[in-house]
Amino acid sequence: MKRIFNLLLTILPLALSAQNKPDYPQDYFRNPLDIPIFLAGNFGECRPGHFHSGVDIKTLGVENKPVHAAADGYISRIKMEKGGFGHAIYITHDNGYTTLYAHLNDFTPAIQQYVKKEQYEKKHWDVDLEIAPSQFPVKKGQQIAWSGNTGASTAPHLHFEIRNTKTEHPLNPELFGLPIVDRTPPLPAEVVFYKGNIYEEDKLVVSLAKKGDVYKPAKTSDKSFGISHDTVQVYGGITGVGVNVDDYMEGSDNTIAFYTAKLYMDDSIQCQVTLDDIGYDVSRYINAYADYKTREENHKWIQCLFQLPGNRLDGIYTHLDGNKGRLDLSDSKVHKVSIELTDDKDNKRIITFYVSPQPAAGTMPAKSGCIPFYANKTNDFNTDPNVMFSLDGRQLYDDICFHFAAEKDVEAYSDKYTLHYPYVPVHHYFDLLMKPNKTIPFDLRSKVVIMYSDGKDEDGRAAPPTDKGWYKASVRNFGTYWLAIDTVPPVIKSLQKNGSNLGKAKQITFDVKDDITSVRSFSGYLDGKWICFEQHNSLFFYKFDEHCAKGKHHLVFKAEDENGNAATFKMNFTR
């Protein structure tokens, strides 16, 4: 009887903590496709620089599947962009929600004709159109477009969102009763312990293994720690916990995200993370929610069950105490720790173990040659006479000891300046000002770029001159920066031969690349008249339409980079 009583004490807190899900309508929205829903990605999934804001529905690996309105409403917005959602339609519904359909190909004829009319009037293919409620009313199930692979998409699929119309916050579509079959619980791989600063101090990585119905420690990557039965030796004091976990569903090999994660110590909840209702204005705090350093160095998503000092993503956390979810192990006693992971369909997985706090082996060596920068405070850098920037109070997620170094470079127009480390994130853009160490000819001052390297790749940003000899660009990464000159225009390569007969072709395509900055603007003129070229990555294409009649034509395509370096390509063809 005593064993049964103790078992009840162990599992009761977990059983009572079942998530009360939001009261979203369950029969209002239909599947926007005519095929069963299998997910390539779901809401709250960790992505570089943002949380995933909807569900990615597979389209059997092909494009041009019919896409339907998920409920009655009206098309309120149509957006065309080279990245992001590509071709996208927004539908506003009477019940206070808006649905988004993204990475589309063409729209249905009336919508497509309207968009093209607007593009030619504005002489821009990338448009963002607000639509009157009376212009395109739709019924539930009415086709609005065909699926595609436009924008920042790497494979054919439909990105589908449900948003709160008033706040414009994306909500978790799987909580609205969509016909999704998922009986697979989350699959945890590792638990990580953080004894102090997430970027600068040691962490302990513990692999997990399934033992019975729960997951327990298997081994550790740090030989200075040991595991005896289900007990992990960790540093004492205030300790953060993170988890490396994926989720899956039937019929898909893609990893997806859990819905809730709950951290307990001695059966008392310390932190709960719930992935629902994440606004675009806070989505970049993914870089504070996840262990950014581990992601950059080891390509793993460790999701932290504690809140960093500069993390303003308050909406996903509950049950935080004064330690913001970190465990207080300062009493040096053995404590039981449990993590409960639940997906959108209430499939559950539990991780359980004991922690034995150990005293730190000595103290961390005092840092020298660096400058203390603090989260939630303005941090100015003006130590070097040729480099200057300021970080406002929202830029850093945790305190850092800022490292700076300068190295001579005879080919550059400045020293190469190392501004801390690329594995420490910065929340938003800040102005970086630099001075050259050699004279820049007057006619080249408009061609200056601030180059950047993270140790793997290099790119540049146009840096126009400002007062007192400074050159300025907006950046949002730590790493190495230097001044250079860019006078090289983009390179335009035609995928068609000059003089070709394109009577059977669907489009004209150019591959355009700029080695240093990016293509800032482009345009195409057919027999002297503007035509609608579209961009997808480095490809720029014009789909033949009524603006290109049968016969001989002369085409001029122009591309210009951030520094005003322009290239022109001319060709003749017959259609």
Protein backbone atom coordinates (compact mmCIF):
# COMPACT_ATOMS: atom_id res chain seq x y z
CA MET A 1 0.00 0.00 0.00
CA LYS A 2 2.85 2.39 0.86
CA ARG A 3 4.45 1.80 -2.57
CA ILE A 4 1.14 2.53 -4.31
CA PHE A 5 0.74 5.71 -2.26
CA ASN A 6 4.23 6.88 -3.19
CA LEU A 7 3.58 6.11 -6.84
CA LEU A 8 0.41 8.23 -6.74
CA LEU A 9 2.37 11.10 -5.21
CA THR A 10 4.81 10.83 -8.10
CA ILE A 11 2.35 10.81 -10.99
CA LEU A 12 -0.47 12.92 -9.55
CA PRO A 13 1.13 16.33 -10.21
CA LEU A 14 1.77 15.31 -13.80
CA ALA A 15 -1.76 14.05 -14.27
CA LEU A 16 -3.31 17.17 -12.78
CA SER A 17 -1.25 19.42 -15.03
CA ALA A 18 -3.12 18.53 -18.23
CA GLN A 19 -3.17 21.56 -20.49
CA ASN A 20 -6.41 23.51 -20.70
CA LYS A 21 -6.40 24.36 -24.39
CA PRO A 22 -7.88 27.60 -25.75
CA ASP A 23 -11.56 27.55 -26.64
CA TYR A 24 -11.09 27.81 -30.40
CA PRO A 25 -13.93 26.82 -32.80
CA GLN A 26 -13.59 23.15 -33.79
CA ASP A 27 -15.79 22.76 -36.89
CA TYR A 28 -15.42 26.16 -38.52
CA PHE A 29 -12.33 25.69 -40.73
CA ARG A 30 -11.86 22.93 -43.29
CA ASN A 31 -8.72 21.42 -44.75
CA PRO A 32 -7.59 23.98 -47.39
CA LEU A 33 -6.52 21.12 -49.71
CA ASP A 34 -8.37 18.14 -51.21
CA ILE A 35 -5.77 15.68 -49.93
CA PRO A 36 -5.21 14.42 -46.37
CA ILE A 37 -3.11 16.65 -44.13
CA PHE A 38 0.45 15.50 -43.58
CA LEU A 39 2.75 18.07 -42.04
CA ALA A 40 6.22 19.16 -43.08
CA GLY A 41 6.21 21.68 -40.22
CA ASN A 42 3.88 22.84 -37.47
CA PHE A 43 3.23 25.84 -35.25
CA GLY A 44 5.99 26.94 -32.87
CA GLU A 45 8.69 24.94 -34.61
CA CYS A 46 12.16 26.47 -34.22
CA ARG A 47 13.36 28.12 -37.42
CA PRO A 48 16.37 30.41 -37.99
CA GLY A 49 15.36 33.81 -36.64
CA HIS A 50 11.70 33.01 -35.93
CA PHE A 51 9.11 30.59 -34.64
CA HIS A 52 7.16 28.86 -37.41
CA SER A 53 3.83 30.65 -37.55
CA GLY A 54 1.52 28.06 -39.10
CA VAL A 55 1.40 24.54 -40.49
CA ASP A 56 3.21 23.41 -43.63
CA ILE A 57 0.93 20.98 -45.42
CA LYS A 58 2.58 18.57 -47.84
CA THR A 59 1.36 18.57 -51.44
CA LEU A 60 2.65 15.12 -52.48
CA GLY A 61 5.93 16.66 -53.64
CA VAL A 62 4.30 18.54 -56.53
CA GLU A 63 2.95 22.00 -57.22
CA ASN A 64 -0.45 23.22 -58.45
CA LYS A 65 -2.78 21.43 -56.07
CA PRO A 66 -6.10 23.34 -55.76
CA VAL A 67 -6.21 25.53 -52.64
CA HIS A 68 -9.61 26.32 -51.10
CA ALA A 69 -10.97 28.88 -48.66
CA ALA A 70 -11.08 27.27 -45.22
CA ALA A 71 -14.33 29.09 -44.34
CA ASP A 72 -16.70 31.81 -45.55
CA GLY A 73 -15.20 35.28 -45.66
CA TYR A 74 -13.56 37.74 -48.02
CA ILE A 75 -10.08 38.15 -49.45
CA SER A 76 -8.68 41.08 -47.48
CA ARG A 77 -5.05 41.11 -48.60
CA ILE A 78 -2.84 39.79 -51.39
CA LYS A 79 0.94 39.98 -51.09
CA MET A 80 3.65 39.15 -53.61
CA GLU A 81 7.27 39.06 -52.41
CA LYS A 82 10.55 37.42 -53.42
CA GLY A 83 11.11 35.88 -49.96
CA GLY A 84 8.82 35.24 -47.03
CA PHE A 85 5.43 33.90 -48.10
CA GLY A 86 5.97 34.43 -51.83
CA HIS A 87 2.50 34.61 -53.37
CA ALA A 88 0.02 34.84 -50.47
CA ILE A 89 -3.71 35.35 -49.92
CA TYR A 90 -5.35 36.47 -46.66
CA ILE A 91 -9.04 35.75 -45.97
CA THR A 92 -10.90 37.55 -43.17
CA HIS A 93 -13.75 35.61 -41.53
CA ASP A 94 -16.75 36.81 -39.53
CA ASN A 95 -15.75 34.93 -36.37
CA GLY A 96 -12.71 37.11 -35.60
CA TYR A 97 -10.06 35.06 -37.40
CA THR A 98 -8.03 35.50 -40.58
CA THR A 99 -6.52 32.65 -42.59
CA LEU A 100 -3.34 32.88 -44.67
CA TYR A 101 -2.40 30.72 -47.65
CA ALA A 102 1.25 31.07 -48.71
CA HIS A 103 3.90 29.91 -51.23
CA LEU A 104 1.16 29.79 -53.88
CA ASN A 105 1.57 29.73 -57.64
CA ASP A 106 -1.18 31.41 -59.64
CA PHE A 107 -4.47 32.59 -58.17
CA THR A 108 -7.83 31.77 -59.72
CA PRO A 109 -8.48 33.82 -62.90
CA ALA A 110 -10.39 36.82 -61.50
CA ILE A 111 -7.92 37.27 -58.63
CA GLN A 112 -4.93 36.75 -60.92
CA GLN A 113 -6.23 39.34 -63.38
CA TYR A 114 -6.72 41.90 -60.61
CA VAL A 115 -3.20 41.38 -59.23
CA LYS A 116 -1.62 41.71 -62.69
CA LYS A 117 -3.56 44.93 -63.32
CA GLU A 118 -2.20 46.39 -60.08
CA GLN A 119 1.34 45.29 -60.88
CA TYR A 120 1.32 46.97 -64.29
CA GLU A 121 -0.21 50.15 -62.91
CA LYS A 122 2.41 50.34 -60.16
CA LYS A 123 5.22 48.94 -62.37
CA HIS A 124 6.19 46.62 -59.53
CA TRP A 125 5.70 42.88 -59.32
CA ASP A 126 6.18 42.84 -55.52
CA VAL A 127 2.92 44.36 -54.27
CA ASP A 128 1.02 44.35 -51.00
CA LEU A 129 -2.67 44.94 -51.75
CA GLU A 130 -5.46 45.67 -49.29
CA ILE A 131 -8.78 44.43 -50.67
CA ALA A 132 -12.27 45.82 -49.96
CA PRO A 133 -14.68 43.30 -48.36
CA SER A 134 -17.05 43.48 -51.34
CA GLN A 135 -14.44 42.77 -54.01
CA PHE A 136 -13.65 39.08 -53.51
CA PRO A 137 -16.14 37.39 -51.14
CA VAL A 138 -15.53 33.64 -50.84
CA LYS A 139 -17.43 30.62 -49.62
CA LYS A 140 -16.04 27.74 -47.60
CA GLY A 141 -14.44 25.30 -50.03
CA GLN A 142 -14.23 27.77 -52.92
CA GLN A 143 -10.96 27.49 -54.84
CA ILE A 144 -8.76 30.57 -54.55
CA ALA A 145 -5.36 29.46 -55.92
CA TRP A 146 -2.98 26.64 -56.74
CA SER A 147 -0.24 25.52 -54.39
CA GLY A 148 3.38 26.21 -55.24
CA ASN A 149 6.92 26.78 -54.03
CA THR A 150 7.28 30.58 -54.11
CA GLY A 151 9.02 32.84 -51.60
CA ALA A 152 11.29 31.39 -48.92
CA SER A 153 10.20 27.84 -49.67
CA THR A 154 12.55 24.94 -50.32
CA ALA A 155 10.01 22.36 -51.52
CA PRO A 156 6.39 22.35 -52.73
CA HIS A 157 3.89 22.77 -49.88
CA LEU A 158 1.10 25.00 -48.57
CA HIS A 159 1.83 27.22 -45.58
CA PHE A 160 -1.49 27.75 -43.75
CA GLU A 161 -2.10 30.08 -40.82
CA ILE A 162 -5.00 31.05 -38.60
CA ARG A 163 -4.61 34.49 -37.04
CA ASN A 164 -6.50 36.58 -34.52
CA THR A 165 -7.84 39.30 -36.82
CA LYS A 166 -7.67 42.01 -34.15
CA THR A 167 -4.14 41.35 -32.85
CA GLU A 168 -2.83 39.78 -36.09
CA HIS A 169 -1.11 37.14 -33.92
CA PRO A 170 -0.73 33.71 -35.55
CA LEU A 171 -2.41 30.97 -33.50
CA ASN A 172 -1.79 27.24 -33.46
CA PRO A 173 -3.93 25.84 -36.34
CA GLU A 174 -3.85 22.32 -34.91
CA LEU A 175 -6.03 23.50 -32.02
CA PHE A 176 -8.92 24.34 -34.40
CA GLY A 177 -10.03 20.78 -35.10
CA LEU A 178 -8.36 20.29 -38.49
CA PRO A 179 -8.41 16.62 -39.61
CA ILE A 180 -4.87 15.71 -38.55
CA VAL A 181 -4.05 12.19 -37.35
CA ASP A 182 -1.15 12.05 -34.89
CA ARG A 183 -0.61 9.28 -32.34
CA THR A 184 3.15 9.72 -31.98
CA PRO A 185 4.45 11.34 -28.78
CA PRO A 186 7.46 13.70 -28.73
CA LEU A 187 10.89 12.08 -28.91
CA PRO A 188 13.46 13.61 -26.52
CA ALA A 189 17.16 13.11 -27.21
CA GLU A 190 19.08 15.19 -24.66
CA VAL A 191 18.77 17.27 -21.52
CA VAL A 192 21.20 20.17 -21.09
CA PHE A 193 22.19 21.90 -17.84
CA TYR A 194 23.41 25.52 -17.77
CA LYS A 195 25.28 26.60 -14.67
CA GLY A 196 25.54 30.29 -15.58
CA ASN A 197 25.77 32.54 -18.62
CA ILE A 198 24.38 30.68 -21.60
CA TYR A 199 27.10 31.93 -23.98
CA GLU A 200 30.19 32.04 -21.79
CA GLU A 201 30.07 29.26 -19.19
CA ASP A 202 30.07 25.48 -19.25
CA LYS A 203 27.04 23.35 -20.05
CA LEU A 204 26.44 19.68 -19.36
CA VAL A 205 24.80 17.60 -22.11
CA VAL A 206 23.12 14.37 -21.01
CA SER A 207 21.83 11.87 -23.57
CA LEU A 208 18.50 10.17 -22.91
CA ALA A 209 17.29 6.62 -23.38
CA LYS A 210 13.83 5.09 -23.09
CA LYS A 211 13.43 2.94 -19.99
CA GLY A 212 9.97 1.51 -19.71
CA ASP A 213 7.41 4.25 -20.32
CA VAL A 214 9.75 7.16 -19.53
CA TYR A 215 13.04 8.61 -20.71
CA LYS A 216 16.03 8.67 -18.38
CA PRO A 217 19.70 9.65 -18.60
CA ALA A 218 21.93 7.39 -20.67
CA LYS A 219 25.31 9.05 -20.71
CA THR A 220 26.97 12.44 -20.59
CA SER A 221 29.30 14.17 -23.02
CA ASP A 222 31.34 15.59 -20.11
CA LYS A 223 33.64 12.99 -18.50
CA SER A 224 33.99 15.08 -15.35
CA PHE A 225 30.40 14.18 -14.50
CA GLY A 226 28.94 10.82 -13.76
CA ILE A 227 25.61 9.06 -13.72
CA SER A 228 24.77 6.59 -11.00
CA HIS A 229 21.49 4.84 -11.75
CA ASP A 230 19.07 7.73 -12.46
CA THR A 231 21.11 10.47 -10.80
CA VAL A 232 23.07 13.11 -12.71
CA GLN A 233 25.83 15.08 -11.04
CA VAL A 234 25.40 18.75 -11.91
CA TYR A 235 26.85 22.01 -10.71
CA GLY A 236 25.09 23.43 -7.67
CA GLY A 237 23.59 26.87 -7.39
CA ILE A 238 21.05 28.28 -9.85
CA THR A 239 20.88 25.93 -12.84
CA GLY A 240 18.97 26.18 -16.11
CA VAL A 241 17.57 23.19 -17.99
CA GLY A 242 17.10 22.80 -21.73
CA VAL A 243 15.82 19.93 -23.82
CA ASN A 244 16.64 18.66 -27.30
CA VAL A 245 13.39 17.13 -28.55
CA ASP A 246 11.56 16.48 -31.82
CA ASP A 247 8.02 15.42 -32.54
CA TYR A 248 6.63 13.42 -35.46
CA MET A 249 3.29 12.42 -36.96
CA GLU A 250 2.13 9.43 -38.97
CA GLY A 251 2.85 9.61 -42.70
CA SER A 252 5.64 12.19 -42.46
CA ASP A 253 9.37 11.98 -41.82
CA ASN A 254 9.61 15.69 -41.03
CA THR A 255 10.30 16.82 -37.49
CA ILE A 256 7.70 19.07 -35.84
CA ALA A 257 7.41 20.84 -32.49
CA PHE A 258 5.81 19.90 -29.18
CA TYR A 259 2.90 21.93 -27.83
CA THR A 260 3.75 22.16 -24.11
CA ALA A 261 6.83 21.47 -22.03
CA LYS A 262 6.60 21.46 -18.21
CA LEU A 263 9.57 21.36 -15.89
CA TYR A 264 9.13 20.02 -12.33
CA MET A 265 11.49 19.82 -9.38
CA ASP A 266 10.34 17.63 -6.50
CA ASP A 267 6.91 17.54 -8.18
CA SER A 268 6.62 21.34 -8.03
CA ILE A 269 6.30 23.03 -11.42
CA GLN A 270 9.12 25.46 -12.19
CA CYS A 271 8.30 26.47 -15.76
CA GLN A 272 5.75 25.75 -18.47
CA VAL A 273 6.22 26.57 -22.15
CA THR A 274 3.10 26.62 -24.35
CA LEU A 275 3.54 27.18 -28.09
CA ASP A 276 0.44 29.09 -29.13
CA ASP A 277 -0.27 32.76 -29.96
CA ILE A 278 3.20 34.05 -30.89
CA GLY A 279 3.10 37.46 -32.55
CA TYR A 280 5.40 38.42 -35.39
CA ASP A 281 6.67 41.30 -33.27
CA VAL A 282 8.24 38.86 -30.79
CA SER A 283 9.03 35.91 -33.06
CA ARG A 284 12.73 36.78 -33.28
CA TYR A 285 13.01 36.00 -29.56
CA ILE A 286 13.46 32.43 -30.78
CA ASN A 287 17.14 33.40 -30.46
CA ALA A 288 16.63 33.84 -26.71
CA TYR A 289 14.27 30.89 -26.22
CA ALA A 290 16.69 28.45 -27.86
CA ASP A 291 20.39 28.00 -27.12
CA TYR A 292 21.68 30.12 -30.00
CA LYS A 293 25.32 29.22 -29.45
CA THR A 294 24.64 25.48 -29.70
CA ARG A 295 22.50 26.04 -32.78
CA GLU A 296 25.27 27.99 -34.52
CA GLU A 297 28.06 25.59 -33.57
CA ASN A 298 26.34 22.17 -33.56
CA HIS A 299 23.11 22.73 -35.53
CA LYS A 300 20.93 21.51 -32.64
CA TRP A 301 17.83 23.19 -31.27
CA ILE A 302 18.10 23.11 -27.47
CA GLN A 303 14.89 24.67 -26.15
CA CYS A 304 15.45 26.37 -22.81
CA LEU A 305 12.92 25.81 -20.03
CA PHE A 306 13.92 29.09 -18.39
CA GLN A 307 13.79 32.72 -19.46
CA LEU A 308 16.92 34.74 -20.16
CA PRO A 309 17.06 38.27 -18.70
CA GLY A 310 16.55 39.99 -22.07
CA ASN A 311 13.93 37.57 -23.41
CA ARG A 312 10.67 39.51 -23.83
CA LEU A 313 8.76 36.51 -25.15
CA ASP A 314 6.54 36.51 -22.07
CA GLY A 315 3.45 34.98 -23.68
CA ILE A 316 4.71 31.40 -23.93
CA TYR A 317 5.87 31.07 -20.30
CA THR A 318 3.82 30.36 -17.19
CA HIS A 319 4.60 29.19 -13.65
CA LEU A 320 7.89 31.09 -13.51
CA ASP A 321 9.30 32.04 -10.12
CA GLY A 322 11.98 34.59 -9.25
CA ASN A 323 14.60 32.43 -10.93
CA LYS A 324 12.67 32.57 -14.22
CA GLY A 325 12.49 28.78 -14.46
CA ARG A 326 16.04 27.99 -13.38
CA LEU A 327 16.36 25.38 -10.63
CA ASP A 328 17.66 26.44 -7.22
CA LEU A 329 20.11 23.70 -6.22
CA SER A 330 21.99 25.81 -3.69
CA ASP A 331 20.97 23.51 -0.80
CA SER A 332 23.28 20.79 -2.24
CA LYS A 333 20.55 18.15 -1.77
CA VAL A 334 19.48 15.53 -4.29
CA HIS A 335 16.32 16.59 -6.12
CA LYS A 336 13.93 14.82 -8.44
CA VAL A 337 13.46 16.51 -11.84
CA SER A 338 10.73 15.69 -14.37
CA ILE A 339 9.94 17.13 -17.79
CA GLU A 340 6.55 16.49 -19.36
CA LEU A 341 6.30 16.98 -23.14
CA THR A 342 2.90 17.05 -24.85
CA ASP A 343 2.02 17.56 -28.52
CA ASP A 344 -1.08 19.13 -30.05
CA LYS A 345 -2.97 15.81 -29.98
CA ASP A 346 -2.19 15.21 -26.28
CA ASN A 347 0.42 12.54 -26.93
CA LYS A 348 2.71 12.69 -23.91
CA ARG A 349 6.29 11.83 -23.08
CA ILE A 350 7.94 12.12 -19.66
CA ILE A 351 11.63 12.53 -18.81
CA THR A 352 12.54 11.82 -15.20
CA PHE A 353 15.81 11.70 -13.22
CA TYR A 354 17.52 12.96 -10.07
CA VAL A 355 20.16 15.67 -9.86
CA SER A 356 22.96 15.63 -7.33
CA PRO A 357 24.46 19.14 -7.02
CA GLN A 358 28.26 19.23 -6.92
CA PRO A 359 30.46 22.17 -5.99
CA ALA A 360 32.13 23.90 -8.90
CA ALA A 361 35.75 22.85 -9.48
CA GLY A 362 37.31 26.16 -8.51
CA THR A 363 36.00 29.46 -9.74
CA MET A 364 35.67 30.81 -13.24
CA PRO A 365 38.84 32.71 -14.20
CA ALA A 366 38.48 36.48 -14.20
CA LYS A 367 37.87 37.82 -17.70
CA SER A 368 40.35 40.33 -19.04
CA GLY A 369 40.61 42.32 -22.25
CA CYS A 370 36.85 42.62 -22.69
CA ILE A 371 34.09 45.10 -21.85
CA PRO A 372 31.01 44.22 -19.75
CA PHE A 373 27.80 44.57 -21.78
CA TYR A 374 24.46 44.09 -20.02
CA ALA A 375 21.04 42.86 -21.05
CA ASN A 376 18.23 45.43 -20.67
CA LYS A 377 20.69 48.35 -20.72
CA THR A 378 22.15 50.60 -23.40
CA ASN A 379 25.69 49.56 -24.29
CA ASP A 380 27.91 51.99 -26.20
CA PHE A 381 31.18 51.10 -27.90
CA ASN A 382 33.62 53.89 -28.73
CA THR A 383 36.88 52.42 -27.48
CA ASP A 384 38.52 52.43 -30.91
CA PRO A 385 38.63 55.79 -32.77
CA ASN A 386 37.61 54.12 -36.05
CA VAL A 387 34.66 51.99 -34.90
CA MET A 388 31.49 53.09 -33.14
CA PHE A 389 28.07 51.61 -32.36
CA SER A 390 25.39 51.57 -29.69
CA LEU A 391 23.14 48.69 -28.59
CA ASP A 392 19.84 49.70 -27.05
CA GLY A 393 18.31 47.94 -24.05
CA ARG A 394 16.50 45.33 -26.18
CA GLN A 395 19.52 44.06 -28.11
CA LEU A 396 21.09 41.52 -25.74
CA TYR A 397 19.38 38.53 -24.14
CA ASP A 398 22.05 37.91 -21.51
CA ASP A 399 25.04 39.77 -20.08
CA ILE A 400 28.27 39.31 -22.03
CA CYS A 401 31.89 40.33 -21.71
CA PHE A 402 32.33 42.01 -25.09
CA HIS A 403 35.49 41.06 -26.95
CA PHE A 404 37.05 43.44 -29.48
CA ALA A 405 40.13 43.03 -31.68
CA ALA A 406 41.68 44.79 -34.69
CA GLU A 407 43.85 43.24 -37.37
CA LYS A 408 45.70 44.94 -40.23
CA ASP A 409 44.61 44.13 -43.79
CA VAL A 410 46.52 45.73 -46.68
CA GLU A 411 43.75 44.98 -49.21
CA ALA A 412 40.91 46.52 -47.18
CA TYR A 413 40.21 50.20 -46.64
CA SER A 414 40.24 49.68 -42.87
CA ASP A 415 41.50 47.26 -40.29
CA LYS A 416 39.46 44.11 -39.82
CA TYR A 417 37.53 44.55 -36.59
CA THR A 418 36.25 41.59 -34.60
CA LEU A 419 33.12 42.54 -32.69
CA HIS A 420 32.66 39.72 -30.19
CA TYR A 421 31.54 36.29 -31.47
CA PRO A 422 28.96 35.28 -34.13
CA TYR A 423 27.43 32.72 -31.74
CA VAL A 424 26.05 35.51 -29.53
CA PRO A 425 22.79 36.85 -31.03
CA VAL A 426 21.73 40.48 -31.40
CA HIS A 427 17.99 41.11 -31.47
CA HIS A 428 17.59 43.77 -34.15
CA TYR A 429 19.59 45.97 -36.50
CA PHE A 430 21.97 48.58 -35.15
CA ASP A 431 24.04 51.25 -36.92
CA LEU A 432 27.71 50.37 -37.28
CA LEU A 433 30.00 53.32 -38.11
CA MET A 434 33.55 52.83 -39.36
CA LYS A 435 36.37 55.05 -40.61
CA PRO A 436 38.89 54.08 -43.29
CA ASN A 437 42.61 53.89 -42.60
CA LYS A 438 43.52 55.07 -46.10
CA THR A 439 42.18 57.78 -48.39
CA ILE A 440 39.10 56.82 -50.40
CA PRO A 441 38.95 58.71 -53.74
CA PHE A 442 36.00 61.09 -53.92
CA ASP A 443 34.40 59.27 -56.88
CA LEU A 444 34.44 55.99 -54.92
CA ARG A 445 32.85 57.22 -51.70
CA SER A 446 29.42 56.15 -52.91
CA LYS A 447 30.79 52.64 -53.56
CA VAL A 448 31.92 51.85 -50.02
CA VAL A 449 30.62 48.68 -48.36
CA ILE A 450 30.97 47.31 -44.87
CA MET A 451 31.98 43.69 -45.31
CA TYR A 452 31.02 41.01 -42.79
CA SER A 453 32.33 37.54 -42.01
CA ASP A 454 31.10 35.00 -39.46
CA GLY A 455 34.13 32.80 -40.14
CA LYS A 456 32.27 30.79 -42.78
CA ASP A 457 30.71 33.21 -45.27
CA GLU A 458 31.25 36.80 -46.36
CA ASP A 459 28.86 39.46 -47.62
CA GLY A 460 28.57 43.21 -47.66
CA ARG A 461 26.16 46.06 -47.12
CA ALA A 462 26.24 49.46 -48.79
CA ALA A 463 27.76 52.03 -46.40
CA PRO A 464 27.13 55.61 -47.51
CA PRO A 465 29.35 58.35 -46.04
CA THR A 466 28.12 60.37 -43.08
CA ASP A 467 29.58 63.27 -41.09
CA LYS A 468 33.28 63.54 -40.13
CA GLY A 469 34.50 60.72 -42.35
CA TRP A 470 32.33 57.93 -41.00
CA TYR A 471 30.68 55.26 -43.19
CA LYS A 472 27.51 53.65 -41.85
CA ALA A 473 25.51 50.45 -42.40
CA SER A 474 22.77 48.71 -40.44
CA VAL A 475 23.85 45.27 -39.19
CA ARG A 476 22.52 42.75 -36.67
CA ASN A 477 25.28 40.25 -36.07
CA PHE A 478 28.49 40.09 -34.15
CA GLY A 479 31.53 39.00 -36.14
CA THR A 480 34.30 40.56 -38.23
CA TYR A 481 33.76 43.79 -40.19
CA TRP A 482 35.90 45.87 -42.55
CA LEU A 483 35.56 48.54 -45.26
CA ALA A 484 35.90 47.73 -48.96
CA ILE A 485 34.99 49.19 -52.36
CA ASP A 486 32.33 47.70 -54.63
CA THR A 487 32.33 48.84 -58.27
CA VAL A 488 31.31 45.51 -59.80
CA PRO A 489 27.73 45.34 -61.17
CA PRO A 490 25.54 42.25 -60.94
CA VAL A 491 26.20 39.48 -63.48
CA ILE A 492 23.23 38.71 -65.73
CA LYS A 493 23.10 35.34 -67.47
CA SER A 494 20.30 34.55 -69.91
CA LEU A 495 18.83 31.06 -69.95
CA GLN A 496 17.79 31.70 -73.59
CA LYS A 497 20.00 32.34 -76.60
CA ASN A 498 19.82 35.66 -78.36
CA GLY A 499 17.60 35.40 -81.45
CA SER A 500 15.75 32.32 -80.18
CA ASN A 501 12.29 31.31 -81.26
CA LEU A 502 10.36 31.13 -77.98
CA GLY A 503 6.98 30.25 -79.44
CA LYS A 504 6.70 27.14 -77.25
CA ALA A 505 8.31 28.63 -74.16
CA LYS A 506 6.29 29.70 -71.12
CA GLN A 507 8.69 32.36 -69.87
CA ILE A 508 11.98 34.21 -70.24
CA THR A 509 14.43 33.70 -67.37
CA PHE A 510 17.66 35.37 -66.25
CA ASP A 511 20.04 34.26 -63.52
CA VAL A 512 21.34 37.38 -61.75
CA LYS A 513 23.93 37.41 -58.97
CA ASP A 514 25.92 40.05 -57.13
CA ASP A 515 29.09 38.92 -55.40
CA ILE A 516 29.26 41.52 -52.63
CA THR A 517 25.86 43.03 -51.76
CA SER A 518 22.51 42.14 -53.35
CA VAL A 519 20.29 43.07 -56.27
CA ARG A 520 18.46 46.18 -55.05
CA SER A 521 16.28 46.81 -58.11
CA PHE A 522 15.54 45.32 -61.51
CA SER A 523 13.28 45.99 -64.50
CA GLY A 524 12.42 44.58 -67.90
CA TYR A 525 11.26 46.45 -70.99
CA LEU A 526 9.77 44.73 -74.03
CA ASP A 527 9.88 46.90 -77.16
CA GLY A 528 10.26 49.91 -74.86
CA LYS A 529 7.36 49.05 -72.54
CA TRP A 530 7.61 47.80 -68.91
CA ILE A 531 6.77 44.13 -68.35
CA CYS A 532 6.34 42.24 -65.12
CA PHE A 533 9.51 40.34 -64.18
CA GLU A 534 9.38 38.37 -60.95
CA GLN A 535 12.23 37.31 -58.66
CA HIS A 536 12.71 33.95 -56.96
CA ASN A 537 16.12 33.66 -55.31
CA SER A 538 18.64 34.48 -58.09
CA LEU A 539 16.18 33.79 -60.92
CA PHE A 540 14.27 36.64 -62.58
CA PHE A 541 11.53 35.61 -65.00
CA TYR A 542 8.72 37.00 -67.13
CA LYS A 543 5.78 34.71 -67.87
CA PHE A 544 4.47 35.35 -71.35
CA ASP A 545 1.10 37.10 -71.27
CA GLU A 546 -1.01 39.46 -73.37
CA HIS A 547 1.77 42.06 -73.22
CA CYS A 548 3.89 39.93 -75.59
CA ALA A 549 2.15 39.33 -78.94
CA LYS A 550 3.36 36.97 -81.65
CA GLY A 551 6.26 38.26 -83.71
CA LYS A 552 9.75 39.66 -83.24
CA HIS A 553 10.68 41.50 -80.02
CA HIS A 554 13.54 43.36 -78.37
CA LEU A 555 14.01 42.88 -74.63
CA VAL A 556 16.09 44.99 -72.25
CA PHE A 557 16.67 43.72 -68.71
CA LYS A 558 18.43 45.85 -66.06
CA ALA A 559 19.68 45.00 -62.57
CA GLU A 560 21.29 47.28 -59.99
CA ASP A 561 23.01 46.45 -56.69
CA GLU A 562 22.97 48.32 -53.35
CA ASN A 563 25.80 50.64 -54.44
CA GLY A 564 24.19 51.68 -57.71
CA ASN A 565 26.34 49.42 -59.89
CA ALA A 566 24.09 48.55 -62.82
CA ALA A 567 24.13 45.92 -65.55
CA THR A 568 22.02 45.72 -68.71
CA PHE A 569 21.26 42.70 -70.88
CA LYS A 570 19.71 43.05 -74.33
CA MET A 571 18.32 40.30 -76.50
CA ASN A 572 16.06 39.68 -79.47
CA PHE A 573 13.61 36.82 -79.77
CA THR A 574 10.64 35.65 -81.77
CA ARG A 575 7.36 34.43 -80.45
